[in-house]
Amino acid sequence: MRTKNLLIIILMISSIQIFAQNTPTGDESVYEPVKYLPIHKFPLSILHVYRYTDTTEVTKTFPDSTKTHYKRVVTDFFTLKRTKPDKDGFITLEVSLDSMRYYLKEGKAEIYWDSQDDASGGFNMQDLKYACVPLGHFFDMTLSPYDDIAKISGVNAEWYFNYLKTNLSKLSDTVEKFIWYDGFSNKRIAQIHKVKKILLPNEKIAIDSIWTSPFEIQIDNVNFADTVKPKITKVENGQIFVEAEINNLKALPGKYLFYGIKDMLLPIKSSKGVGKYRIEFSPRGAIEKAIGEFLVQLKIPVHKDIFKLDIKSTMYWTLLGMYRE
C-alpha cells in the first residue's frame, strides 16, 4: 500500500514539473522580427551610370467632349559620381546628362529624335526643346540632409545661368524664357537625376513597418507633391525592396507648358492623382532600379474654356553599371 501511495506522489510531482517547464513565464523574451535599414550610398570616385525612361500618355478632352491622344517617350542616359566627402550632411554629386532619345506619337504622326544621330537635326518643337535643355550639361548637384537639392553649381552651370541672364533677360517671349529657365530648374534636375524620391528611415525597421516622407514628382512636366508612407516590402538575397503608395497627388501652383497648346503657359484649375513608387537597393546600398507609376487628371483653363487631361505616366530608373574612375 505504501509503495502504491509513493508511486502516485512521484507521478504527481513529475506532472507538476513537466507542466511548469512548458508554461510561459514573464521572464521569457518576446519574439522580435528581423529589422533592416535601407541606405543609399555613393562611394567616392565610383561612377553610377543610369538610364531614365519616362513614358507618358495623355488624353485631352475639349469642352465639346471631343478628344485627342498623344504618347511621349523620353529616355535619358546620365551619370552620377561623388568626388568629395560629405560635409555637415550635405552630399555633392557630379552629374552629366550624356545622351537623350525622344519619341512622340499623335494620331498617325510620329516624331523621333536622337542626340546621337546627326540626321536628327535641330529641335524647333517646344515640347522637344524643353526635354533637351539639360542635355550635354555637367554640373554639381548638392543634396541637403533633407534630400532636396540645395544648389546646382560648377563651371558649366554658372556659364549656363550667366548666358541666360545676358541673352534672355530682355526677351519678351515668356514661353521661350520658361523653357530655358525651367528646363534647368532644381525640380527638373531632381526629376531626372535624383533617383531616390523619398526619405529613408534613420533606424532599422521590420518588413511592412511604415514611415512618413514628403514626395515630389514631375508628370507631363507638371510638378506634383504628396506625403507618403513607404515601407519595406521584402528582403531577398541582400536586396531591400521599398514601396510607397501615393494616394493624394496634387499639382503645385504655377504656370506650365502643355504639348499641343502652343505659345501659352497655363495654370492648373484642379488636379488629382494616385500612383506607386518602388525602389530596389543592392546589398551595397546602390539603387539598382526605381519605378514610378501614376494616373493623374488635370483641368486647365484655356481662354474661357476648360480642358481636361487624363495622364498615365510610367518612369523607370535603371542602373546600367558602376565603375571606378
C-alpha atoms as a PDB file:
ATOM      1  CA  MET A   1       0.000   0.000   0.000  1.00  0.00           C
ATOM      2  CA  ARG A   2       2.826   2.354   0.913  1.00  0.00           C
ATOM      3  CA  THR A   3       4.573   1.508  -2.352  1.00  0.00           C
ATOM      4  CA  LYS A   4       1.419   2.359  -4.291  1.00  0.00           C
ATOM      5  CA  ASN A   5       0.988   5.700  -2.498  1.00  0.00           C
ATOM      6  CA  LEU A   6       4.648   6.580  -3.062  1.00  0.00           C
ATOM      7  CA  LEU A   7       4.296   5.869  -6.804  1.00  0.00           C
ATOM      8  CA  ILE A   8       1.251   8.188  -7.021  1.00  0.00           C
ATOM      9  CA  ILE A   9       3.175  11.005  -5.273  1.00  0.00           C
ATOM     10  CA  ILE A  10       6.142  10.625  -7.638  1.00  0.00           C
ATOM     11  CA  LEU A  11       3.856  10.760 -10.682  1.00  0.00           C
ATOM     12  CA  MET A  12       2.134  13.882  -9.329  1.00  0.00           C
ATOM     13  CA  ILE A  13       5.470  15.674  -8.757  1.00  0.00           C
ATOM     14  CA  SER A  14       6.666  14.710 -12.250  1.00  0.00           C
ATOM     15  CA  SER A  15       3.466  16.061 -13.813  1.00  0.00           C
ATOM     16  CA  ILE A  16       3.875  19.380 -11.970  1.00  0.00           C
ATOM     17  CA  GLN A  17       7.491  19.715 -13.189  1.00  0.00           C
ATOM     18  CA  ILE A  18       6.548  18.984 -16.816  1.00  0.00           C
ATOM     19  CA  PHE A  19       3.679  21.484 -16.649  1.00  0.00           C
ATOM     20  CA  ALA A  20       5.994  24.120 -15.183  1.00  0.00           C
ATOM     21  CA  GLN A  21       8.590  23.595 -17.918  1.00  0.00           C
ATOM     22  CA  ASN A  22       6.007  24.076 -20.681  1.00  0.00           C
ATOM     23  CA  THR A  23       4.193  27.061 -19.187  1.00  0.00           C
ATOM     24  CA  PRO A  24       5.411  30.500 -20.424  1.00  0.00           C
ATOM     25  CA  THR A  25       6.730  32.843 -17.743  1.00  0.00           C
ATOM     26  CA  GLY A  26       7.064  36.592 -17.639  1.00  0.00           C
ATOM     27  CA  ASP A  27      10.846  36.241 -17.850  1.00  0.00           C
ATOM     28  CA  GLU A  28      10.837  34.671 -21.325  1.00  0.00           C
ATOM     29  CA  SER A  29      11.878  37.009 -24.203  1.00  0.00           C
ATOM     30  CA  VAL A  30       9.198  38.129 -26.689  1.00  0.00           C
ATOM     31  CA  TYR A  31       9.806  37.315 -30.377  1.00  0.00           C
ATOM     32  CA  GLU A  32      11.403  40.244 -32.206  1.00  0.00           C
ATOM     33  CA  PRO A  33      11.077  40.474 -36.018  1.00  0.00           C
ATOM     34  CA  VAL A  34      14.242  40.975 -38.072  1.00  0.00           C
ATOM     35  CA  LYS A  35      14.842  44.652 -38.808  1.00  0.00           C
ATOM     36  CA  TYR A  36      16.585  46.295 -41.743  1.00  0.00           C
ATOM     37  CA  LEU A  37      17.981  49.719 -42.611  1.00  0.00           C
ATOM     38  CA  PRO A  38      17.812  50.733 -46.295  1.00  0.00           C
ATOM     39  CA  ILE A  39      20.755  53.027 -47.085  1.00  0.00           C
ATOM     40  CA  HIS A  40      21.557  54.861 -50.317  1.00  0.00           C
ATOM     41  CA  LYS A  41      25.340  55.004 -50.740  1.00  0.00           C
ATOM     42  CA  PHE A  42      27.602  56.855 -53.168  1.00  0.00           C
ATOM     43  CA  PRO A  43      31.172  55.612 -52.623  1.00  0.00           C
ATOM     44  CA  LEU A  44      33.855  58.136 -53.547  1.00  0.00           C
ATOM     45  CA  SER A  45      35.016  58.128 -57.184  1.00  0.00           C
ATOM     46  CA  ILE A  46      32.532  55.424 -58.257  1.00  0.00           C
ATOM     47  CA  LEU A  47      30.648  56.353 -61.417  1.00  0.00           C
ATOM     48  CA  HIS A  48      26.980  55.311 -61.463  1.00  0.00           C
ATOM     49  CA  VAL A  49      25.532  55.054 -64.981  1.00  0.00           C
ATOM     50  CA  TYR A  50      21.738  55.286 -65.224  1.00  0.00           C
ATOM     51  CA  ARG A  51      19.046  55.097 -67.880  1.00  0.00           C
ATOM     52  CA  TYR A  52      15.855  57.038 -67.167  1.00  0.00           C
ATOM     53  CA  THR A  53      12.764  56.375 -69.303  1.00  0.00           C
ATOM     54  CA  ASP A  54       9.599  58.438 -68.938  1.00  0.00           C
ATOM     55  CA  THR A  55       6.573  57.148 -70.869  1.00  0.00           C
ATOM     56  CA  THR A  56       3.564  59.464 -70.791  1.00  0.00           C
ATOM     57  CA  GLU A  57       0.172  59.015 -72.429  1.00  0.00           C
ATOM     58  CA  VAL A  58      -2.284  61.907 -72.400  1.00  0.00           C
ATOM     59  CA  THR A  59      -5.924  62.064 -73.426  1.00  0.00           C
ATOM     60  CA  LYS A  60      -7.109  65.647 -73.831  1.00  0.00           C
ATOM     61  CA  THR A  61     -10.853  66.303 -73.646  1.00  0.00           C
ATOM     62  CA  PHE A  62     -12.152  69.559 -75.112  1.00  0.00           C
ATOM     63  CA  PRO A  63     -15.279  71.434 -73.928  1.00  0.00           C
ATOM     64  CA  ASP A  64     -17.337  69.847 -76.729  1.00  0.00           C
ATOM     65  CA  SER A  65     -16.260  66.361 -75.475  1.00  0.00           C
ATOM     66  CA  THR A  66     -14.009  65.641 -78.479  1.00  0.00           C
ATOM     67  CA  LYS A  67     -10.716  64.020 -77.566  1.00  0.00           C
ATOM     68  CA  THR A  68      -7.122  63.846 -78.773  1.00  0.00           C
ATOM     69  CA  HIS A  69      -4.442  61.447 -77.590  1.00  0.00           C
ATOM     70  CA  TYR A  70      -0.663  61.532 -77.653  1.00  0.00           C
ATOM     71  CA  LYS A  71       2.171  59.424 -76.316  1.00  0.00           C
ATOM     72  CA  ARG A  72       5.640  60.673 -75.441  1.00  0.00           C
ATOM     73  CA  VAL A  73       8.698  58.571 -74.527  1.00  0.00           C
ATOM     74  CA  VAL A  74      11.865  60.325 -73.349  1.00  0.00           C
ATOM     75  CA  THR A  75      14.977  58.306 -72.488  1.00  0.00           C
ATOM     76  CA  ASP A  76      17.960  59.947 -70.778  1.00  0.00           C
ATOM     77  CA  PHE A  77      21.373  58.432 -70.098  1.00  0.00           C
ATOM     78  CA  PHE A  78      23.204  60.103 -67.233  1.00  0.00           C
ATOM     79  CA  THR A  79      25.988  59.577 -64.705  1.00  0.00           C
ATOM     80  CA  LEU A  80      26.381  60.362 -61.001  1.00  0.00           C
ATOM     81  CA  LYS A  81      29.652  60.442 -59.071  1.00  0.00           C
ATOM     82  CA  ARG A  82      30.616  61.630 -55.600  1.00  0.00           C
ATOM     83  CA  THR A  83      34.005  63.312 -55.818  1.00  0.00           C
ATOM     84  CA  LYS A  84      34.423  64.605 -52.255  1.00  0.00           C
ATOM     85  CA  PRO A  85      33.405  63.582 -48.727  1.00  0.00           C
ATOM     86  CA  ASP A  86      30.071  64.671 -47.290  1.00  0.00           C
ATOM     87  CA  LYS A  87      30.059  67.910 -45.300  1.00  0.00           C
ATOM     88  CA  ASP A  88      27.569  68.534 -42.477  1.00  0.00           C
ATOM     89  CA  GLY A  89      25.160  66.052 -44.032  1.00  0.00           C
ATOM     90  CA  PHE A  90      25.329  67.656 -47.492  1.00  0.00           C
ATOM     91  CA  ILE A  91      26.225  65.349 -50.401  1.00  0.00           C
ATOM     92  CA  THR A  92      27.622  66.736 -53.650  1.00  0.00           C
ATOM     93  CA  LEU A  93      27.377  64.626 -56.800  1.00  0.00           C
ATOM     94  CA  GLU A  94      28.986  65.309 -60.156  1.00  0.00           C
ATOM     95  CA  VAL A  95      26.233  64.926 -62.766  1.00  0.00           C
ATOM     96  CA  SER A  96      26.297  64.574 -66.532  1.00  0.00           C
ATOM     97  CA  LEU A  97      23.399  64.014 -68.929  1.00  0.00           C
ATOM     98  CA  ASP A  98      25.201  62.425 -71.858  1.00  0.00           C
ATOM     99  CA  SER A  99      22.514  61.495 -74.382  1.00  0.00           C
ATOM    100  CA  MET A 100      18.771  61.516 -74.962  1.00  0.00           C
ATOM    101  CA  ARG A 101      16.157  59.896 -77.168  1.00  0.00           C
ATOM    102  CA  TYR A 102      12.722  61.419 -77.792  1.00  0.00           C
ATOM    103  CA  TYR A 103       9.635  59.879 -79.353  1.00  0.00           C
ATOM    104  CA  LEU A 104       6.176  61.412 -79.804  1.00  0.00           C
ATOM    105  CA  LYS A 105       3.103  59.907 -81.434  1.00  0.00           C
ATOM    106  CA  GLU A 106      -0.147  61.785 -82.021  1.00  0.00           C
ATOM    107  CA  GLY A 107      -2.636  60.100 -84.313  1.00  0.00           C
ATOM    108  CA  LYS A 108      -0.678  58.886 -87.335  1.00  0.00           C
ATOM    109  CA  ALA A 109       2.080  61.454 -86.862  1.00  0.00           C
ATOM    110  CA  GLU A 110       5.319  60.301 -85.240  1.00  0.00           C
ATOM    111  CA  ILE A 111       8.475  62.177 -84.285  1.00  0.00           C
ATOM    112  CA  TYR A 112      11.820  60.547 -83.478  1.00  0.00           C
ATOM    113  CA  TRP A 113      14.849  62.438 -82.199  1.00  0.00           C
ATOM    114  CA  ASP A 114      18.182  61.007 -81.030  1.00  0.00           C
ATOM    115  CA  SER A 115      21.042  63.151 -79.735  1.00  0.00           C
ATOM    116  CA  GLN A 116      23.500  60.525 -81.003  1.00  0.00           C
ATOM    117  CA  ASP A 117      22.122  60.653 -84.549  1.00  0.00           C
ATOM    118  CA  ASP A 118      23.410  63.545 -86.674  1.00  0.00           C
ATOM    119  CA  ALA A 119      20.480  63.051 -89.034  1.00  0.00           C
ATOM    120  CA  SER A 120      18.032  64.052 -86.289  1.00  0.00           C
ATOM    121  CA  GLY A 121      18.676  67.727 -86.967  1.00  0.00           C
ATOM    122  CA  GLY A 122      17.577  70.606 -84.733  1.00  0.00           C
ATOM    123  CA  PHE A 123      14.625  70.883 -82.391  1.00  0.00           C
ATOM    124  CA  ASN A 124      12.120  73.643 -83.024  1.00  0.00           C
ATOM    125  CA  MET A 125       9.170  71.987 -81.300  1.00  0.00           C
ATOM    126  CA  GLN A 126       8.622  73.450 -77.819  1.00  0.00           C
ATOM    127  CA  ASP A 127       7.997  70.088 -76.130  1.00  0.00           C
ATOM    128  CA  LEU A 128      11.207  68.594 -77.521  1.00  0.00           C
ATOM    129  CA  LYS A 129      13.182  71.737 -76.762  1.00  0.00           C
ATOM    130  CA  TYR A 130      12.116  71.609 -73.104  1.00  0.00           C
ATOM    131  CA  ALA A 131      13.186  67.961 -72.846  1.00  0.00           C
ATOM    132  CA  CYS A 132      16.589  68.785 -74.347  1.00  0.00           C
ATOM    133  CA  VAL A 133      17.564  71.641 -72.019  1.00  0.00           C
ATOM    134  CA  PRO A 134      19.645  69.549 -69.521  1.00  0.00           C
ATOM    135  CA  LEU A 135      21.289  67.564 -72.352  1.00  0.00           C
ATOM    136  CA  GLY A 136      25.073  67.861 -72.568  1.00  0.00           C
ATOM    137  CA  HIS A 137      25.429  69.684 -69.254  1.00  0.00           C
ATOM    138  CA  PHE A 138      27.765  68.563 -66.488  1.00  0.00           C
ATOM    139  CA  PHE A 139      27.412  70.145 -63.068  1.00  0.00           C
ATOM    140  CA  ASP A 140      27.483  69.582 -59.317  1.00  0.00           C
ATOM    141  CA  MET A 141      24.219  68.701 -57.579  1.00  0.00           C
ATOM    142  CA  THR A 142      24.312  69.263 -53.806  1.00  0.00           C
ATOM    143  CA  LEU A 143      21.692  67.427 -51.738  1.00  0.00           C
ATOM    144  CA  SER A 144      20.752  68.670 -48.270  1.00  0.00           C
ATOM    145  CA  PRO A 145      20.307  66.377 -45.230  1.00  0.00           C
ATOM    146  CA  TYR A 146      16.581  66.516 -46.089  1.00  0.00           C
ATOM    147  CA  ASP A 147      17.374  65.083 -49.541  1.00  0.00           C
ATOM    148  CA  ASP A 148      16.263  68.106 -51.558  1.00  0.00           C
ATOM    149  CA  ILE A 149      18.542  69.968 -53.963  1.00  0.00           C
ATOM    150  CA  ALA A 150      20.377  72.686 -52.041  1.00  0.00           C
ATOM    151  CA  LYS A 151      22.145  74.067 -55.118  1.00  0.00           C
ATOM    152  CA  ILE A 152      23.291  73.430 -58.665  1.00  0.00           C
ATOM    153  CA  SER A 153      26.845  74.619 -59.211  1.00  0.00           C
ATOM    154  CA  GLY A 154      30.013  74.108 -61.226  1.00  0.00           C
ATOM    155  CA  VAL A 155      31.708  75.932 -64.098  1.00  0.00           C
ATOM    156  CA  ASN A 156      29.267  74.662 -66.733  1.00  0.00           C
ATOM    157  CA  ALA A 157      26.181  75.516 -64.663  1.00  0.00           C
ATOM    158  CA  GLU A 158      27.485  79.010 -63.863  1.00  0.00           C
ATOM    159  CA  TRP A 159      28.200  79.613 -67.563  1.00  0.00           C
ATOM    160  CA  TYR A 160      24.676  78.499 -68.454  1.00  0.00           C
ATOM    161  CA  PHE A 161      22.961  80.729 -65.893  1.00  0.00           C
ATOM    162  CA  ASN A 162      25.108  83.720 -66.890  1.00  0.00           C
ATOM    163  CA  TYR A 163      24.285  83.068 -70.533  1.00  0.00           C
ATOM    164  CA  LEU A 164      20.557  83.073 -69.771  1.00  0.00           C
ATOM    165  CA  LYS A 165      20.841  86.246 -67.720  1.00  0.00           C
ATOM    166  CA  THR A 166      22.714  88.020 -70.509  1.00  0.00           C
ATOM    167  CA  ASN A 167      20.757  86.783 -73.514  1.00  0.00           C
ATOM    168  CA  LEU A 168      17.227  86.137 -72.278  1.00  0.00           C
ATOM    169  CA  SER A 169      16.687  88.933 -69.779  1.00  0.00           C
ATOM    170  CA  LYS A 170      15.231  91.241 -72.439  1.00  0.00           C
ATOM    171  CA  LEU A 171      13.379  88.535 -74.342  1.00  0.00           C
ATOM    172  CA  SER A 172       9.633  89.236 -74.494  1.00  0.00           C
ATOM    173  CA  ASP A 173       8.694  85.624 -75.313  1.00  0.00           C
ATOM    174  CA  THR A 174       7.667  84.276 -71.892  1.00  0.00           C
ATOM    175  CA  VAL A 175       7.306  80.705 -73.168  1.00  0.00           C
ATOM    176  CA  GLU A 176      10.860  80.698 -74.543  1.00  0.00           C
ATOM    177  CA  LYS A 177      12.147  82.044 -71.245  1.00  0.00           C
ATOM    178  CA  PHE A 178      10.226  79.367 -69.354  1.00  0.00           C
ATOM    179  CA  ILE A 179      11.689  76.585 -71.491  1.00  0.00           C
ATOM    180  CA  TRP A 180      15.308  77.558 -70.876  1.00  0.00           C
ATOM    181  CA  TYR A 181      14.947  78.505 -67.202  1.00  0.00           C
ATOM    182  CA  ASP A 182      12.512  75.849 -66.002  1.00  0.00           C
ATOM    183  CA  GLY A 183      14.179  73.167 -68.126  1.00  0.00           C
ATOM    184  CA  PHE A 184      17.269  73.537 -65.924  1.00  0.00           C
ATOM    185  CA  SER A 185      15.477  74.287 -62.652  1.00  0.00           C
ATOM    186  CA  ASN A 186      16.093  72.374 -59.436  1.00  0.00           C
ATOM    187  CA  LYS A 187      12.817  70.487 -59.846  1.00  0.00           C
ATOM    188  CA  ARG A 188      13.621  69.459 -63.417  1.00  0.00           C
ATOM    189  CA  ILE A 189      17.131  68.337 -62.460  1.00  0.00           C
ATOM    190  CA  ALA A 190      15.709  66.449 -59.467  1.00  0.00           C
ATOM    191  CA  GLN A 191      13.149  64.687 -61.647  1.00  0.00           C
ATOM    192  CA  ILE A 192      15.793  63.188 -63.903  1.00  0.00           C
ATOM    193  CA  HIS A 193      18.835  62.761 -61.695  1.00  0.00           C
ATOM    194  CA  LYS A 194      17.575  62.333 -58.116  1.00  0.00           C
ATOM    195  CA  VAL A 195      16.597  58.686 -58.318  1.00  0.00           C
ATOM    196  CA  LYS A 196      15.557  58.386 -54.676  1.00  0.00           C
ATOM    197  CA  LYS A 197      12.348  60.410 -54.276  1.00  0.00           C
ATOM    198  CA  ILE A 198      11.657  59.596 -50.618  1.00  0.00           C
ATOM    199  CA  LEU A 199      13.376  59.981 -47.268  1.00  0.00           C
ATOM    200  CA  LEU A 200      14.662  56.790 -45.669  1.00  0.00           C
ATOM    201  CA  PRO A 201      14.214  55.794 -42.014  1.00  0.00           C
ATOM    202  CA  ASN A 202      17.066  56.670 -39.643  1.00  0.00           C
ATOM    203  CA  GLU A 203      16.777  53.414 -37.723  1.00  0.00           C
ATOM    204  CA  LYS A 204      16.240  49.761 -38.543  1.00  0.00           C
ATOM    205  CA  ILE A 205      12.641  48.726 -39.165  1.00  0.00           C
ATOM    206  CA  ALA A 206      10.804  45.476 -39.805  1.00  0.00           C
ATOM    207  CA  ILE A 207       9.204  44.435 -43.082  1.00  0.00           C
ATOM    208  CA  ASP A 208       5.815  46.142 -43.602  1.00  0.00           C
ATOM    209  CA  SER A 209       6.583  48.801 -40.973  1.00  0.00           C
ATOM    210  CA  ILE A 210       5.912  52.282 -42.349  1.00  0.00           C
ATOM    211  CA  TRP A 211       7.431  55.731 -42.006  1.00  0.00           C
ATOM    212  CA  THR A 212       6.424  59.147 -43.360  1.00  0.00           C
ATOM    213  CA  SER A 213       8.106  61.046 -46.182  1.00  0.00           C
ATOM    214  CA  PRO A 214       7.434  64.004 -48.485  1.00  0.00           C
ATOM    215  CA  PHE A 215       7.205  63.050 -52.150  1.00  0.00           C
ATOM    216  CA  GLU A 216       7.628  65.158 -55.286  1.00  0.00           C
ATOM    217  CA  ILE A 217       7.456  64.117 -58.939  1.00  0.00           C
ATOM    218  CA  GLN A 218       7.092  65.666 -62.398  1.00  0.00           C
ATOM    219  CA  ILE A 219       4.312  64.215 -64.542  1.00  0.00           C
ATOM    220  CA  ASP A 220       3.912  65.548 -68.076  1.00  0.00           C
ATOM    221  CA  ASN A 221       6.283  68.359 -66.984  1.00  0.00           C
ATOM    222  CA  VAL A 222       3.915  69.416 -64.168  1.00  0.00           C
ATOM    223  CA  ASN A 223       5.204  69.417 -60.573  1.00  0.00           C
ATOM    224  CA  PHE A 224       3.211  67.265 -58.143  1.00  0.00           C
ATOM    225  CA  ALA A 225       3.571  66.603 -54.415  1.00  0.00           C
ATOM    226  CA  ASP A 226       2.133  64.378 -51.701  1.00  0.00           C
ATOM    227  CA  THR A 227       3.027  62.925 -48.295  1.00  0.00           C
ATOM    228  CA  VAL A 228       3.536  59.168 -48.419  1.00  0.00           C
ATOM    229  CA  LYS A 229       4.080  56.239 -46.069  1.00  0.00           C
ATOM    230  CA  PRO A 230       6.772  53.975 -47.558  1.00  0.00           C
ATOM    231  CA  LYS A 231       7.515  50.503 -46.269  1.00  0.00           C
ATOM    232  CA  ILE A 232       9.958  47.662 -46.825  1.00  0.00           C
ATOM    233  CA  THR A 233       8.012  45.023 -48.741  1.00  0.00           C
ATOM    234  CA  LYS A 234      10.653  42.289 -48.838  1.00  0.00           C
ATOM    235  CA  VAL A 235      14.342  41.479 -48.427  1.00  0.00           C
ATOM    236  CA  GLU A 236      15.830  38.942 -50.799  1.00  0.00           C
ATOM    237  CA  ASN A 237      19.500  37.953 -51.224  1.00  0.00           C
ATOM    238  CA  GLY A 238      20.594  41.143 -49.506  1.00  0.00           C
ATOM    239  CA  GLN A 239      18.399  43.343 -51.700  1.00  0.00           C
ATOM    240  CA  ILE A 240      15.906  45.610 -49.949  1.00  0.00           C
ATOM    241  CA  PHE A 241      12.650  46.462 -51.734  1.00  0.00           C
ATOM    242  CA  VAL A 242      10.826  49.635 -50.697  1.00  0.00           C
ATOM    243  CA  GLU A 243       7.406  50.748 -51.911  1.00  0.00           C
ATOM    244  CA  ALA A 244       5.195  53.771 -51.350  1.00  0.00           C
ATOM    245  CA  GLU A 245       1.575  54.199 -52.380  1.00  0.00           C
ATOM    246  CA  ILE A 246       0.655  57.725 -53.481  1.00  0.00           C
ATOM    247  CA  ASN A 247      -2.978  58.488 -52.766  1.00  0.00           C
ATOM    248  CA  ASN A 248      -3.357  62.256 -52.966  1.00  0.00           C
ATOM    249  CA  LEU A 249      -1.116  63.773 -55.647  1.00  0.00           C
ATOM    250  CA  LYS A 250      -1.742  67.471 -56.181  1.00  0.00           C
ATOM    251  CA  ALA A 251      -0.196  69.783 -58.751  1.00  0.00           C
ATOM    252  CA  LEU A 252       1.956  72.540 -57.256  1.00  0.00           C
ATOM    253  CA  PRO A 253       0.903  76.134 -58.006  1.00  0.00           C
ATOM    254  CA  GLY A 254       2.436  77.683 -61.103  1.00  0.00           C
ATOM    255  CA  LYS A 255       2.084  78.013 -64.828  1.00  0.00           C
ATOM    256  CA  TYR A 256       3.137  75.163 -67.096  1.00  0.00           C
ATOM    257  CA  LEU A 257       3.821  74.349 -70.730  1.00  0.00           C
ATOM    258  CA  PHE A 258       1.486  71.746 -72.275  1.00  0.00           C
ATOM    259  CA  TYR A 259       2.031  69.883 -75.517  1.00  0.00           C
ATOM    260  CA  GLY A 260      -0.487  70.842 -78.187  1.00  0.00           C
ATOM    261  CA  ILE A 261      -1.211  74.246 -76.628  1.00  0.00           C
ATOM    262  CA  LYS A 262       1.421  76.371 -78.317  1.00  0.00           C
ATOM    263  CA  ASP A 263       2.896  79.628 -77.034  1.00  0.00           C
ATOM    264  CA  MET A 264       0.944  79.621 -73.782  1.00  0.00           C
ATOM    265  CA  LEU A 265       1.796  78.987 -70.142  1.00  0.00           C
ATOM    266  CA  LEU A 266      -1.267  77.821 -68.241  1.00  0.00           C
ATOM    267  CA  PRO A 267      -2.181  77.429 -64.554  1.00  0.00           C
ATOM    268  CA  ILE A 268      -3.863  74.381 -63.051  1.00  0.00           C
ATOM    269  CA  LYS A 269      -7.531  74.785 -62.119  1.00  0.00           C
ATOM    270  CA  SER A 270      -7.783  71.426 -60.352  1.00  0.00           C
ATOM    271  CA  SER A 271      -5.743  68.246 -60.033  1.00  0.00           C
ATOM    272  CA  LYS A 272      -5.860  64.787 -58.513  1.00  0.00           C
ATOM    273  CA  GLY A 273      -3.740  61.705 -58.825  1.00  0.00           C
ATOM    274  CA  VAL A 274      -2.608  58.364 -57.445  1.00  0.00           C
ATOM    275  CA  GLY A 275       0.358  56.133 -58.025  1.00  0.00           C
ATOM    276  CA  LYS A 276       3.097  53.854 -56.746  1.00  0.00           C
ATOM    277  CA  TYR A 277       6.826  54.345 -56.353  1.00  0.00           C
ATOM    278  CA  ARG A 278       9.234  51.447 -55.804  1.00  0.00           C
ATOM    279  CA  ILE A 279      12.982  51.206 -55.161  1.00  0.00           C
ATOM    280  CA  GLU A 280      15.320  48.221 -55.241  1.00  0.00           C
ATOM    281  CA  PHE A 281      18.500  48.639 -53.162  1.00  0.00           C
ATOM    282  CA  SER A 282      21.507  46.429 -53.800  1.00  0.00           C
ATOM    283  CA  PRO A 283      23.364  44.854 -50.849  1.00  0.00           C
ATOM    284  CA  ARG A 284      25.996  47.609 -51.319  1.00  0.00           C
ATOM    285  CA  GLY A 285      23.442  50.414 -50.997  1.00  0.00           C
ATOM    286  CA  ALA A 286      23.127  51.374 -54.663  1.00  0.00           C
ATOM    287  CA  ILE A 287      19.708  51.903 -56.211  1.00  0.00           C
ATOM    288  CA  GLU A 288      19.520  49.258 -58.919  1.00  0.00           C
ATOM    289  CA  LYS A 289      16.037  50.210 -60.051  1.00  0.00           C
ATOM    290  CA  ALA A 290      13.308  52.722 -59.252  1.00  0.00           C
ATOM    291  CA  ILE A 291       9.836  52.663 -60.786  1.00  0.00           C
ATOM    292  CA  GLY A 292       7.057  55.223 -60.669  1.00  0.00           C
ATOM    293  CA  GLU A 293       3.539  54.584 -61.989  1.00  0.00           C
ATOM    294  CA  PHE A 294       0.961  57.369 -61.920  1.00  0.00           C
ATOM    295  CA  LEU A 295      -2.569  58.231 -63.012  1.00  0.00           C
ATOM    296  CA  VAL A 296      -3.487  61.900 -62.765  1.00  0.00           C
ATOM    297  CA  GLN A 297      -6.211  64.202 -64.000  1.00  0.00           C
ATOM    298  CA  LEU A 298      -5.810  67.917 -64.638  1.00  0.00           C
ATOM    299  CA  LYS A 299      -8.236  70.649 -65.543  1.00  0.00           C
ATOM    300  CA  ILE A 300      -6.638  73.673 -67.186  1.00  0.00           C
ATOM    301  CA  PRO A 301      -8.219  76.946 -68.304  1.00  0.00           C
ATOM    302  CA  VAL A 302      -7.579  77.867 -71.951  1.00  0.00           C
ATOM    303  CA  HIS A 303      -9.068  81.290 -72.635  1.00  0.00           C
ATOM    304  CA  LYS A 304     -12.681  80.867 -71.442  1.00  0.00           C
ATOM    305  CA  ASP A 305     -12.725  77.075 -71.826  1.00  0.00           C
ATOM    306  CA  ILE A 306     -11.658  74.232 -69.533  1.00  0.00           C
ATOM    307  CA  PHE A 307      -9.612  71.360 -70.972  1.00  0.00           C
ATOM    308  CA  LYS A 308      -9.357  68.041 -69.131  1.00  0.00           C
ATOM    309  CA  LEU A 309      -6.148  65.982 -69.282  1.00  0.00           C
ATOM    310  CA  ASP A 310      -6.114  62.323 -68.244  1.00  0.00           C
ATOM    311  CA  ILE A 311      -2.483  61.311 -67.867  1.00  0.00           C
ATOM    312  CA  LYS A 312      -0.862  57.921 -67.441  1.00  0.00           C
ATOM    313  CA  SER A 313       2.860  58.043 -66.721  1.00  0.00           C
ATOM    314  CA  THR A 314       5.421  55.300 -66.098  1.00  0.00           C
ATOM    315  CA  MET A 315       9.010  56.072 -65.121  1.00  0.00           C
ATOM    316  CA  TYR A 316      11.982  53.720 -64.890  1.00  0.00           C
ATOM    317  CA  TRP A 317      15.422  54.486 -63.494  1.00  0.00           C
ATOM    318  CA  THR A 318      17.796  51.584 -64.181  1.00  0.00           C
ATOM    319  CA  LEU A 319      21.399  51.266 -63.001  1.00  0.00           C
ATOM    320  CA  LEU A 320      23.414  50.145 -66.018  1.00  0.00           C
ATOM    321  CA  GLY A 321      26.765  49.863 -64.279  1.00  0.00           C
ATOM    322  CA  MET A 322      29.208  51.130 -61.658  1.00  0.00           C
ATOM    323  CA  TYR A 323      32.841  51.931 -62.478  1.00  0.00           C
ATOM    324  CA  ARG A 324      35.797  53.249 -60.508  1.00  0.00           C
ATOM    325  CA  GLU A 325      37.464  56.293 -62.010  1.00  0.00           C
END
